[in-house]
Amino acid sequence: MASLYVFEGQKRHQPLSNMSMLMLLRRMKIENATVHGFRSTFKDWASEIANVPREVAEMSLSHRVGSNVERAYARSKLLDKRRALMERWSDYVAGVENQVIELVGKNKNKN
């Protein structure tokens, strides 16, 4: 049976613990970064660069969006929009979105 989680914790079909990323940073001896900083960076990028609706960014971070009344009527999980956002984020952190493409080439027809 496939798991519901992309990254499972130590127990099969269970999520990573909230300490997993922190322990990874410690093992890598990275002292100037926090797990919350990764999430904050994503949120800033989603609103400032990707320009996605707030609800999509917040739901991508597993945040509850809106009041109890709003959530009662908002039944969609916005999966297609969240999937597209995660693909863009992947490209961004991998450097794909940041590549500079020369639009004006050198003149090859020199006389």
C-alpha atoms as a PDB file:
ATOM      1  CA  MET A   1       0.000   0.000   0.000  1.00  0.00           C
ATOM      2  CA  ALA A   2       1.350   3.408  -0.953  1.00  0.00           C
ATOM      3  CA  SER A   3       1.793   6.007   1.734  1.00  0.00           C
ATOM      4  CA  LEU A   4      -0.201   9.221   1.924  1.00  0.00           C
ATOM      5  CA  TYR A   5       3.047  11.029   2.730  1.00  0.00           C
ATOM      6  CA  VAL A   6       5.778  11.964   0.293  1.00  0.00           C
ATOM      7  CA  PHE A   7       8.287  11.891   3.139  1.00  0.00           C
ATOM      8  CA  GLU A   8       7.385   9.365   5.771  1.00  0.00           C
ATOM      9  CA  GLY A   9       8.758   9.423   9.282  1.00  0.00           C
ATOM     10  CA  GLN A  10      10.508   6.505  10.923  1.00  0.00           C
ATOM     11  CA  LYS A  11       7.170   4.735  11.338  1.00  0.00           C
ATOM     12  CA  ARG A  12       5.551   3.464   8.140  1.00  0.00           C
ATOM     13  CA  HIS A  13       2.604   5.593   6.949  1.00  0.00           C
ATOM     14  CA  GLN A  14       3.333   8.303   9.531  1.00  0.00           C
ATOM     15  CA  PRO A  15       4.535  11.857   8.824  1.00  0.00           C
ATOM     16  CA  LEU A  16       7.975  13.141   9.675  1.00  0.00           C
ATOM     17  CA  SER A  17       8.205  14.407  13.223  1.00  0.00           C
ATOM     18  CA  ASN A  18       8.426  18.128  13.784  1.00  0.00           C
ATOM     19  CA  MET A  19      12.061  17.625  14.828  1.00  0.00           C
ATOM     20  CA  SER A  20      13.243  15.840  11.669  1.00  0.00           C
ATOM     21  CA  MET A  21      14.331  18.928   9.735  1.00  0.00           C
ATOM     22  CA  LEU A  22      15.865  20.509  12.823  1.00  0.00           C
ATOM     23  CA  MET A  23      17.949  17.406  13.454  1.00  0.00           C
ATOM     24  CA  LEU A  24      19.024  17.377   9.791  1.00  0.00           C
ATOM     25  CA  LEU A  25      20.240  20.976  10.077  1.00  0.00           C
ATOM     26  CA  ARG A  26      22.156  20.083  13.243  1.00  0.00           C
ATOM     27  CA  ARG A  27      23.778  17.021  11.635  1.00  0.00           C
ATOM     28  CA  MET A  28      24.801  19.166   8.683  1.00  0.00           C
ATOM     29  CA  LYS A  29      26.239  21.710  11.149  1.00  0.00           C
ATOM     30  CA  ILE A  30      24.139  24.503   9.671  1.00  0.00           C
ATOM     31  CA  GLU A  31      23.712  27.068  12.408  1.00  0.00           C
ATOM     32  CA  ASN A  32      22.408  30.129  10.593  1.00  0.00           C
ATOM     33  CA  ALA A  33      19.186  28.551   9.281  1.00  0.00           C
ATOM     34  CA  THR A  34      15.924  27.473  10.879  1.00  0.00           C
ATOM     35  CA  VAL A  35      13.100  25.246   9.745  1.00  0.00           C
ATOM     36  CA  HIS A  36      10.751  28.187  10.139  1.00  0.00           C
ATOM     37  CA  GLY A  37      13.078  30.215   7.924  1.00  0.00           C
ATOM     38  CA  PHE A  38      12.550  27.727   5.064  1.00  0.00           C
ATOM     39  CA  ARG A  39       8.780  28.064   5.444  1.00  0.00           C
ATOM     40  CA  SER A  40       9.016  31.844   5.680  1.00  0.00           C
ATOM     41  CA  THR A  41      11.176  31.979   2.555  1.00  0.00           C
ATOM     42  CA  PHE A  42       8.568  29.939   0.668  1.00  0.00           C
ATOM     43  CA  LYS A  43       5.773  32.254   1.831  1.00  0.00           C
ATOM     44  CA  ASP A  44       7.684  35.377   0.749  1.00  0.00           C
ATOM     45  CA  TRP A  45       8.517  33.834  -2.621  1.00  0.00           C
ATOM     46  CA  ALA A  46       4.918  32.690  -3.186  1.00  0.00           C
ATOM     47  CA  SER A  47       3.514  36.161  -2.585  1.00  0.00           C
ATOM     48  CA  GLU A  48       6.274  38.335  -4.057  1.00  0.00           C
ATOM     49  CA  ILE A  49       7.647  36.275  -6.954  1.00  0.00           C
ATOM     50  CA  ALA A  50       5.054  33.632  -7.810  1.00  0.00           C
ATOM     51  CA  ASN A  51       2.215  36.079  -7.115  1.00  0.00           C
ATOM     52  CA  VAL A  52      -0.233  33.332  -6.087  1.00  0.00           C
ATOM     53  CA  PRO A  53      -3.412  33.884  -4.078  1.00  0.00           C
ATOM     54  CA  ARG A  54      -2.857  33.917  -0.319  1.00  0.00           C
ATOM     55  CA  GLU A  55      -5.100  30.880   0.169  1.00  0.00           C
ATOM     56  CA  VAL A  56      -2.973  28.733  -2.133  1.00  0.00           C
ATOM     57  CA  ALA A  57       0.260  29.693  -0.357  1.00  0.00           C
ATOM     58  CA  GLU A  58      -1.220  29.206   3.101  1.00  0.00           C
ATOM     59  CA  MET A  59      -2.735  25.832   2.238  1.00  0.00           C
ATOM     60  CA  SER A  60       0.611  24.770   0.764  1.00  0.00           C
ATOM     61  CA  LEU A  61       2.092  25.386   4.214  1.00  0.00           C
ATOM     62  CA  SER A  62      -0.719  23.376   5.851  1.00  0.00           C
ATOM     63  CA  HIS A  63      -2.104  26.504   7.483  1.00  0.00           C
ATOM     64  CA  ARG A  64      -5.792  26.864   8.199  1.00  0.00           C
ATOM     65  CA  VAL A  65      -7.259  29.589   6.011  1.00  0.00           C
ATOM     66  CA  GLY A  66     -10.165  31.815   6.982  1.00  0.00           C
ATOM     67  CA  SER A  67     -12.661  31.793   9.812  1.00  0.00           C
ATOM     68  CA  ASN A  68     -14.697  28.743  10.843  1.00  0.00           C
ATOM     69  CA  VAL A  69     -17.535  29.971   8.630  1.00  0.00           C
ATOM     70  CA  GLU A  70     -15.241  30.462   5.607  1.00  0.00           C
ATOM     71  CA  ARG A  71     -13.727  27.003   6.086  1.00  0.00           C
ATOM     72  CA  ALA A  72     -17.199  25.461   6.308  1.00  0.00           C
ATOM     73  CA  TYR A  73     -17.938  26.691   2.770  1.00  0.00           C
ATOM     74  CA  ALA A  74     -14.460  26.371   1.246  1.00  0.00           C
ATOM     75  CA  ARG A  75     -14.386  22.642   0.525  1.00  0.00           C
ATOM     76  CA  SER A  76     -11.662  22.614  -2.120  1.00  0.00           C
ATOM     77  CA  LYS A  77      -8.128  21.618  -1.173  1.00  0.00           C
ATOM     78  CA  LEU A  78      -6.837  23.546  -4.229  1.00  0.00           C
ATOM     79  CA  LEU A  79      -4.658  20.562  -5.093  1.00  0.00           C
ATOM     80  CA  ASP A  80      -4.058  21.429  -8.756  1.00  0.00           C
ATOM     81  CA  LYS A  81      -3.033  24.992  -7.878  1.00  0.00           C
ATOM     82  CA  ARG A  82      -0.881  23.810  -4.993  1.00  0.00           C
ATOM     83  CA  ARG A  83       0.774  21.180  -7.203  1.00  0.00           C
ATOM     84  CA  ALA A  84       1.606  23.817  -9.825  1.00  0.00           C
ATOM     85  CA  LEU A  85       2.977  26.096  -7.114  1.00  0.00           C
ATOM     86  CA  MET A  86       5.181  23.331  -5.711  1.00  0.00           C
ATOM     87  CA  GLU A  87       6.544  22.608  -9.204  1.00  0.00           C
ATOM     88  CA  ARG A  88       7.417  26.300  -9.608  1.00  0.00           C
ATOM     89  CA  TRP A  89       9.030  26.328  -6.141  1.00  0.00           C
ATOM     90  CA  SER A  90      11.082  23.278  -7.084  1.00  0.00           C
ATOM     91  CA  ASP A  91      12.273  25.017 -10.239  1.00  0.00           C
ATOM     92  CA  TYR A  92      13.059  28.158  -8.250  1.00  0.00           C
ATOM     93  CA  VAL A  93      15.174  26.486  -5.577  1.00  0.00           C
ATOM     94  CA  ALA A  94      16.914  24.351  -8.220  1.00  0.00           C
ATOM     95  CA  GLY A  95      17.831  27.505 -10.113  1.00  0.00           C
ATOM     96  CA  VAL A  96      15.720  26.764 -13.185  1.00  0.00           C
ATOM     97  CA  GLU A  97      13.615  29.942 -12.833  1.00  0.00           C
ATOM     98  CA  ASN A  98      16.724  32.042 -12.278  1.00  0.00           C
ATOM     99  CA  GLN A  99      18.570  31.237 -15.463  1.00  0.00           C
ATOM    100  CA  VAL A 100      19.499  34.248 -17.526  1.00  0.00           C
ATOM    101  CA  ILE A 101      18.843  33.805 -21.216  1.00  0.00           C
ATOM    102  CA  GLU A 102      20.619  36.054 -23.649  1.00  0.00           C
ATOM    103  CA  LEU A 103      17.954  37.604 -25.842  1.00  0.00           C
ATOM    104  CA  VAL A 104      20.303  39.485 -28.146  1.00  0.00           C
ATOM    105  CA  GLY A 105      23.008  37.245 -29.589  1.00  0.00           C
ATOM    106  CA  LYS A 106      26.347  38.311 -30.960  1.00  0.00           C
ATOM    107  CA  ASN A 107      26.290  39.323 -34.582  1.00  0.00           C
ATOM    108  CA  LYS A 108      27.494  36.252 -36.496  1.00  0.00           C
ATOM    109  CA  ASN A 109      27.449  37.984 -39.879  1.00  0.00           C
ATOM    110  CA  LYS A 110      30.507  40.199 -39.515  1.00  0.00           C
ATOM    111  CA  ASN A 111      31.827  41.547 -42.819  1.00  0.00           C
END
